[in-house]
N, C-alpha and C. Protein backbone atom coordinates (compact mmCIF):
# COMPACT_ATOMS: atom_id res chain seq x y z
N MET A 1 128.77 119.36 137.38
CA MET A 1 128.22 118.09 136.94
C MET A 1 128.55 117.83 135.47
N ASP A 2 128.55 118.86 134.64
CA ASP A 2 128.89 118.69 133.23
C ASP A 2 130.34 118.25 133.06
N ARG A 3 131.23 118.76 133.91
CA ARG A 3 132.63 118.36 133.82
C ARG A 3 132.79 116.88 134.14
N PHE A 4 132.02 116.39 135.12
CA PHE A 4 132.09 114.98 135.49
C PHE A 4 131.57 114.11 134.36
N LYS A 5 130.43 114.50 133.75
CA LYS A 5 129.88 113.74 132.63
C LYS A 5 130.86 113.68 131.47
N LYS A 6 131.49 114.82 131.19
CA LYS A 6 132.46 114.89 130.10
C LYS A 6 133.67 113.99 130.40
N PHE A 7 134.10 113.98 131.66
CA PHE A 7 135.23 113.15 132.07
C PHE A 7 134.89 111.67 131.90
N ILE A 8 133.73 111.25 132.37
CA ILE A 8 133.33 109.85 132.31
C ILE A 8 133.11 109.40 130.86
N LYS A 9 132.57 110.28 130.02
CA LYS A 9 132.34 109.93 128.61
C LYS A 9 133.62 109.60 127.88
N SER A 10 134.71 110.24 128.27
CA SER A 10 135.97 110.04 127.57
C SER A 10 136.80 108.90 128.18
N ARG A 11 136.22 108.11 129.07
CA ARG A 11 136.92 107.00 129.72
C ARG A 11 136.47 105.67 129.15
N TYR A 12 137.26 104.64 129.39
CA TYR A 12 137.03 103.34 128.77
C TYR A 12 135.83 102.61 129.34
N GLY A 13 135.71 102.48 130.64
CA GLY A 13 134.55 101.83 131.24
C GLY A 13 134.73 100.33 131.42
N MET A 14 133.62 99.57 131.31
CA MET A 14 133.62 98.14 131.60
C MET A 14 133.77 97.30 130.32
N ASP A 15 134.44 96.17 130.48
CA ASP A 15 134.53 95.15 129.44
C ASP A 15 134.73 93.81 130.13
N SER A 16 134.99 92.77 129.39
CA SER A 16 135.12 91.42 129.96
C SER A 16 136.28 91.33 130.95
N LEU A 17 137.41 91.91 130.61
CA LEU A 17 138.57 91.85 131.51
C LEU A 17 138.28 92.60 132.80
N ASN A 18 137.64 93.76 132.71
CA ASN A 18 137.32 94.51 133.92
C ASN A 18 136.33 93.75 134.79
N LYS A 19 135.36 93.08 134.18
CA LYS A 19 134.41 92.27 134.97
C LYS A 19 135.15 91.15 135.69
N PHE A 20 136.10 90.51 135.00
CA PHE A 20 136.89 89.46 135.64
C PHE A 20 137.71 90.03 136.79
N LEU A 21 138.35 91.19 136.59
CA LEU A 21 139.19 91.77 137.63
C LEU A 21 138.39 92.13 138.87
N ILE A 22 137.21 92.71 138.70
CA ILE A 22 136.41 93.12 139.85
C ILE A 22 135.86 91.89 140.57
N LEU A 23 135.48 90.86 139.81
CA LEU A 23 134.99 89.63 140.43
C LEU A 23 136.12 88.91 141.17
N ALA A 24 137.30 88.84 140.57
CA ALA A 24 138.45 88.21 141.22
C ALA A 24 138.83 88.97 142.49
N SER A 25 138.76 90.28 142.44
CA SER A 25 139.06 91.09 143.61
C SER A 25 138.08 90.81 144.74
N LEU A 26 136.81 90.69 144.39
CA LEU A 26 135.78 90.40 145.39
C LEU A 26 135.98 89.01 146.00
N VAL A 27 136.23 88.01 145.17
CA VAL A 27 136.44 86.64 145.65
C VAL A 27 137.67 86.56 146.55
N LEU A 28 138.76 87.20 146.13
CA LEU A 28 139.97 87.19 146.94
C LEU A 28 139.75 87.91 148.27
N SER A 29 138.95 88.97 148.27
CA SER A 29 138.65 89.68 149.51
C SER A 29 137.86 88.79 150.47
N ILE A 30 136.93 88.03 149.93
CA ILE A 30 136.15 87.11 150.77
C ILE A 30 137.07 86.04 151.37
N PHE A 31 137.94 85.45 150.54
CA PHE A 31 138.87 84.45 151.05
C PHE A 31 139.86 85.05 152.05
N GLN A 32 140.23 86.30 151.82
CA GLN A 32 141.12 86.98 152.76
C GLN A 32 140.45 87.13 154.11
N GLY A 33 139.17 87.48 154.11
CA GLY A 33 138.42 87.59 155.37
C GLY A 33 138.32 86.26 156.09
N LEU A 34 138.10 85.18 155.31
CA LEU A 34 138.05 83.85 155.93
C LEU A 34 139.40 83.45 156.50
N ALA A 35 140.47 83.73 155.76
CA ALA A 35 141.81 83.39 156.24
C ALA A 35 142.14 84.17 157.51
N ALA A 36 141.74 85.43 157.55
CA ALA A 36 142.01 86.25 158.73
C ALA A 36 141.24 85.73 159.94
N SER A 37 140.02 85.23 159.71
CA SER A 37 139.22 84.73 160.83
C SER A 37 139.77 83.43 161.40
N TYR A 38 140.58 82.69 160.61
CA TYR A 38 141.21 81.46 161.08
C TYR A 38 142.66 81.69 161.50
N ASP A 39 143.04 82.95 161.73
CA ASP A 39 144.38 83.32 162.18
C ASP A 39 145.48 82.90 161.21
N LYS A 40 145.19 82.90 159.93
CA LYS A 40 146.20 82.63 158.89
C LYS A 40 146.69 83.98 158.37
N VAL A 41 147.55 84.63 159.15
CA VAL A 41 147.95 86.01 158.89
C VAL A 41 148.71 86.16 157.57
N LYS A 42 149.66 85.27 157.31
CA LYS A 42 150.44 85.38 156.07
C LYS A 42 149.57 85.18 154.84
N LEU A 43 148.68 84.18 154.90
CA LEU A 43 147.78 83.92 153.79
C LEU A 43 146.82 85.10 153.58
N ALA A 44 146.32 85.65 154.68
CA ALA A 44 145.40 86.80 154.59
C ALA A 44 146.10 88.00 153.97
N GLY A 45 147.34 88.23 154.35
CA GLY A 45 148.11 89.34 153.78
C GLY A 45 148.36 89.15 152.30
N PHE A 46 148.70 87.91 151.92
CA PHE A 46 148.93 87.57 150.52
C PHE A 46 147.67 87.80 149.70
N LEU A 47 146.54 87.28 150.16
CA LEU A 47 145.27 87.44 149.44
C LEU A 47 144.84 88.90 149.37
N SER A 48 145.05 89.62 150.46
CA SER A 48 144.71 91.04 150.49
C SER A 48 145.51 91.83 149.46
N THR A 49 146.79 91.51 149.35
CA THR A 49 147.65 92.19 148.37
C THR A 49 147.14 91.96 146.95
N PHE A 50 146.80 90.72 146.64
CA PHE A 50 146.30 90.42 145.30
C PHE A 50 144.93 91.07 145.06
N ALA A 51 144.06 91.05 146.04
CA ALA A 51 142.73 91.66 145.88
C ALA A 51 142.85 93.15 145.61
N ILE A 52 143.72 93.81 146.36
CA ILE A 52 143.90 95.25 146.17
C ILE A 52 144.54 95.54 144.81
N SER A 53 145.53 94.73 144.42
CA SER A 53 146.18 94.98 143.12
C SER A 53 145.21 94.74 141.97
N PHE A 54 144.34 93.72 142.07
CA PHE A 54 143.33 93.50 141.03
C PHE A 54 142.37 94.69 140.97
N PHE A 55 141.97 95.20 142.12
CA PHE A 55 141.04 96.33 142.13
C PHE A 55 141.70 97.59 141.56
N VAL A 56 142.96 97.82 141.91
CA VAL A 56 143.67 99.00 141.38
C VAL A 56 143.81 98.90 139.86
N PHE A 57 144.14 97.70 139.36
CA PHE A 57 144.25 97.51 137.91
C PHE A 57 142.89 97.72 137.23
N PHE A 58 141.81 97.24 137.87
CA PHE A 58 140.45 97.47 137.36
C PHE A 58 140.17 98.97 137.26
N ALA A 59 140.45 99.70 138.33
CA ALA A 59 140.17 101.15 138.35
C ALA A 59 141.00 101.87 137.29
N TYR A 60 142.27 101.47 137.14
CA TYR A 60 143.14 102.07 136.14
C TYR A 60 142.58 101.86 134.73
N ARG A 61 142.15 100.63 134.44
CA ARG A 61 141.61 100.33 133.11
C ARG A 61 140.29 101.04 132.87
N ALA A 62 139.41 101.06 133.88
CA ALA A 62 138.08 101.67 133.71
C ALA A 62 138.19 103.17 133.50
N LEU A 63 139.13 103.81 134.14
CA LEU A 63 139.26 105.27 134.04
C LEU A 63 140.30 105.70 133.01
N SER A 64 140.83 104.77 132.26
CA SER A 64 141.85 105.09 131.27
C SER A 64 141.24 105.79 130.06
N GLY A 65 141.99 106.70 129.49
CA GLY A 65 141.56 107.39 128.29
C GLY A 65 142.09 106.73 127.02
N ASN A 66 143.02 105.80 127.15
CA ASN A 66 143.62 105.11 126.00
C ASN A 66 142.75 103.92 125.62
N MET A 67 141.71 104.18 124.85
CA MET A 67 140.73 103.14 124.53
C MET A 67 141.28 102.06 123.60
N ALA A 68 142.15 102.43 122.70
CA ALA A 68 142.69 101.45 121.75
C ALA A 68 143.51 100.38 122.47
N LEU A 69 144.35 100.80 123.40
CA LEU A 69 145.16 99.84 124.14
C LEU A 69 144.29 98.97 125.05
N ARG A 70 143.27 99.55 125.67
CA ARG A 70 142.36 98.75 126.53
C ARG A 70 141.61 97.72 125.70
N ARG A 71 141.21 98.06 124.47
CA ARG A 71 140.53 97.10 123.60
C ARG A 71 141.44 95.93 123.25
N LEU A 72 142.72 96.23 122.97
CA LEU A 72 143.68 95.17 122.67
C LEU A 72 143.87 94.24 123.86
N GLU A 73 143.96 94.81 125.06
CA GLU A 73 144.09 93.98 126.27
C GLU A 73 142.87 93.09 126.44
N ASN A 74 141.69 93.65 126.20
CA ASN A 74 140.46 92.87 126.34
C ASN A 74 140.39 91.76 125.29
N GLU A 75 140.82 92.05 124.07
CA GLU A 75 140.83 91.04 123.01
C GLU A 75 141.74 89.86 123.39
N LYS A 76 142.93 90.17 123.91
CA LYS A 76 143.86 89.11 124.33
C LYS A 76 143.24 88.28 125.46
N PHE A 77 142.60 88.96 126.41
CA PHE A 77 141.97 88.25 127.52
C PHE A 77 140.87 87.32 127.00
N ARG A 78 140.06 87.81 126.07
CA ARG A 78 138.97 87.00 125.54
C ARG A 78 139.49 85.79 124.76
N LYS A 79 140.61 85.95 124.03
CA LYS A 79 141.21 84.83 123.31
C LYS A 79 141.73 83.77 124.28
N ILE A 80 142.38 84.22 125.35
CA ILE A 80 142.93 83.30 126.34
C ILE A 80 141.82 82.59 127.10
N SER A 81 140.76 83.30 127.43
CA SER A 81 139.70 82.73 128.26
C SER A 81 138.62 82.01 127.44
N TRP A 82 138.74 81.97 126.12
CA TRP A 82 137.70 81.36 125.28
C TRP A 82 137.41 79.90 125.63
N PRO A 83 138.43 79.03 125.79
CA PRO A 83 138.11 77.63 126.10
C PRO A 83 137.27 77.48 127.37
N LEU A 84 137.58 78.27 128.39
CA LEU A 84 136.81 78.20 129.63
C LEU A 84 135.39 78.72 129.43
N ARG A 85 135.26 79.85 128.75
CA ARG A 85 133.93 80.43 128.52
C ARG A 85 133.09 79.52 127.63
N LYS A 86 133.71 78.86 126.66
CA LYS A 86 133.00 77.96 125.75
C LYS A 86 132.42 76.79 126.54
N ASN A 87 133.20 76.22 127.45
CA ASN A 87 132.72 75.10 128.25
C ASN A 87 131.65 75.51 129.24
N LEU A 88 131.70 76.72 129.73
CA LEU A 88 130.68 77.19 130.67
C LEU A 88 129.33 77.44 130.00
N ARG A 89 129.35 77.70 128.71
CA ARG A 89 128.12 78.03 127.99
C ARG A 89 127.46 76.84 127.30
N LYS A 90 127.97 75.66 127.51
CA LYS A 90 127.40 74.49 126.83
C LYS A 90 125.96 74.29 127.25
N LYS A 91 125.13 74.02 126.26
CA LYS A 91 123.72 73.77 126.52
C LYS A 91 123.53 72.31 126.92
N PRO A 92 122.53 72.04 127.75
CA PRO A 92 122.26 70.63 128.05
C PRO A 92 121.83 69.91 126.78
N ARG A 93 122.38 68.75 126.53
CA ARG A 93 122.13 68.04 125.29
C ARG A 93 121.05 67.00 125.47
N ASP A 94 120.22 66.88 124.45
CA ASP A 94 119.17 65.88 124.43
C ASP A 94 119.77 64.54 124.02
N LYS A 95 119.45 63.47 124.74
CA LYS A 95 120.05 62.16 124.47
C LYS A 95 119.48 61.49 123.23
N LYS A 96 118.42 62.03 122.66
CA LYS A 96 117.81 61.44 121.47
C LYS A 96 118.53 61.87 120.19
N TYR A 97 119.41 62.86 120.31
CA TYR A 97 120.07 63.44 119.14
C TYR A 97 121.59 63.28 119.22
N ALA A 98 122.20 63.17 118.05
CA ALA A 98 123.66 63.20 117.92
C ALA A 98 124.04 64.63 117.53
N TYR A 99 125.01 65.19 118.24
CA TYR A 99 125.44 66.57 117.99
C TYR A 99 126.80 66.56 117.30
N PHE A 100 126.98 67.48 116.35
CA PHE A 100 128.23 67.60 115.61
C PHE A 100 128.33 69.02 115.10
N THR A 101 129.50 69.37 114.59
CA THR A 101 129.70 70.73 114.06
C THR A 101 130.00 70.66 112.57
N CYS A 102 129.61 71.70 111.89
CA CYS A 102 129.88 71.82 110.46
C CYS A 102 131.38 72.02 110.27
N PRO A 103 132.04 71.27 109.38
CA PRO A 103 133.48 71.44 109.18
C PRO A 103 133.83 72.77 108.50
N ASN A 104 132.86 73.41 107.87
CA ASN A 104 133.11 74.65 107.16
C ASN A 104 132.94 75.88 108.07
N CYS A 105 131.76 76.01 108.70
CA CYS A 105 131.46 77.23 109.48
C CYS A 105 131.44 76.98 110.99
N HIS A 106 131.61 75.73 111.43
CA HIS A 106 131.65 75.34 112.84
C HIS A 106 130.34 75.58 113.59
N LYS A 107 129.25 75.62 112.86
CA LYS A 107 127.93 75.75 113.47
C LYS A 107 127.55 74.41 114.11
N SER A 108 126.95 74.45 115.30
CA SER A 108 126.53 73.24 115.98
C SER A 108 125.23 72.73 115.36
N LEU A 109 125.22 71.46 114.97
CA LEU A 109 124.06 70.85 114.33
C LEU A 109 123.68 69.58 115.08
N ARG A 110 122.47 69.07 114.83
CA ARG A 110 122.06 67.82 115.45
C ARG A 110 121.22 67.01 114.47
N ALA A 111 121.18 65.70 114.71
CA ALA A 111 120.38 64.79 113.91
C ALA A 111 119.93 63.66 114.84
N PRO A 112 118.81 63.02 114.53
CA PRO A 112 118.36 61.91 115.37
C PRO A 112 119.40 60.80 115.42
N LYS A 113 119.55 60.18 116.57
CA LYS A 113 120.53 59.10 116.75
C LYS A 113 120.08 57.83 116.03
N ASN A 114 121.02 56.95 115.86
CA ASN A 114 120.81 55.59 115.32
C ASN A 114 120.27 55.58 113.89
N LEU A 115 120.68 56.51 113.07
CA LEU A 115 120.30 56.50 111.65
C LEU A 115 121.44 55.98 110.78
N GLY A 116 122.58 55.70 111.38
CA GLY A 116 123.74 55.25 110.62
C GLY A 116 124.47 56.44 110.00
N LYS A 117 125.02 56.23 108.83
CA LYS A 117 125.75 57.28 108.12
C LYS A 117 124.75 58.06 107.28
N ILE A 118 124.65 59.38 107.54
CA ILE A 118 123.69 60.22 106.81
C ILE A 118 124.39 61.43 106.20
N ARG A 119 123.77 61.99 105.19
CA ARG A 119 124.27 63.20 104.54
C ARG A 119 123.50 64.38 105.12
N VAL A 120 124.22 65.37 105.63
CA VAL A 120 123.63 66.52 106.30
C VAL A 120 123.98 67.79 105.54
N THR A 121 123.02 68.72 105.47
CA THR A 121 123.26 70.03 104.88
C THR A 121 123.23 71.06 106.00
N CYS A 122 124.29 71.83 106.11
CA CYS A 122 124.38 72.86 107.14
C CYS A 122 123.38 73.98 106.84
N LYS A 123 122.65 74.41 107.85
CA LYS A 123 121.67 75.47 107.67
C LYS A 123 122.32 76.83 107.47
N GLU A 124 123.53 76.97 107.99
CA GLU A 124 124.21 78.26 107.94
C GLU A 124 124.92 78.49 106.60
N CYS A 125 125.79 77.54 106.21
CA CYS A 125 126.61 77.74 105.00
C CYS A 125 126.18 76.86 103.84
N HIS A 126 125.20 75.97 104.05
CA HIS A 126 124.64 75.09 103.02
C HIS A 126 125.63 74.08 102.46
N ARG A 127 126.67 73.76 103.22
CA ARG A 127 127.63 72.74 102.80
C ARG A 127 127.08 71.36 103.18
N GLN A 128 127.26 70.40 102.30
CA GLN A 128 126.81 69.03 102.59
C GLN A 128 128.00 68.19 103.01
N PHE A 129 127.77 67.35 104.04
CA PHE A 129 128.83 66.45 104.52
C PHE A 129 128.16 65.24 105.17
N GLU A 130 128.94 64.19 105.33
CA GLU A 130 128.42 62.96 105.91
C GLU A 130 128.83 62.82 107.36
N VAL A 131 127.90 62.34 108.19
CA VAL A 131 128.18 62.09 109.60
C VAL A 131 127.57 60.73 109.98
N ARG A 132 128.15 60.16 111.01
CA ARG A 132 127.62 58.90 111.55
C ARG A 132 126.87 59.22 112.83
N THR A 133 125.60 58.83 112.92
CA THR A 133 124.79 59.13 114.11
C THR A 133 124.62 57.93 115.00
């Protein structure tokens, strides 16, 4: 048991890219099952191949001992997937407020609507700028 713990401790484990790979593998497997049930043999084979390759790549990354290279891969994945993740995390906006971002630190700020042109001070970086609400 100690050998197993030692082995697992020295492995990379889970990160954002691995979560995506395992989820994509699961989704492709479900679609592969649906395609097989509708007698779409070529499509089922294609989806099965991709699902298995995603899972194998996930297992390779999770059990890899080269942590520096896995971190770089995850960083690249997070940079590429940022626009999608940013849009998925948007908060529901209140219609009584105008929302804008600070030009200096990009912090999301809000002010009551219909006040015209106002001077705003960012709470994060304390920069003052004008916005139209």
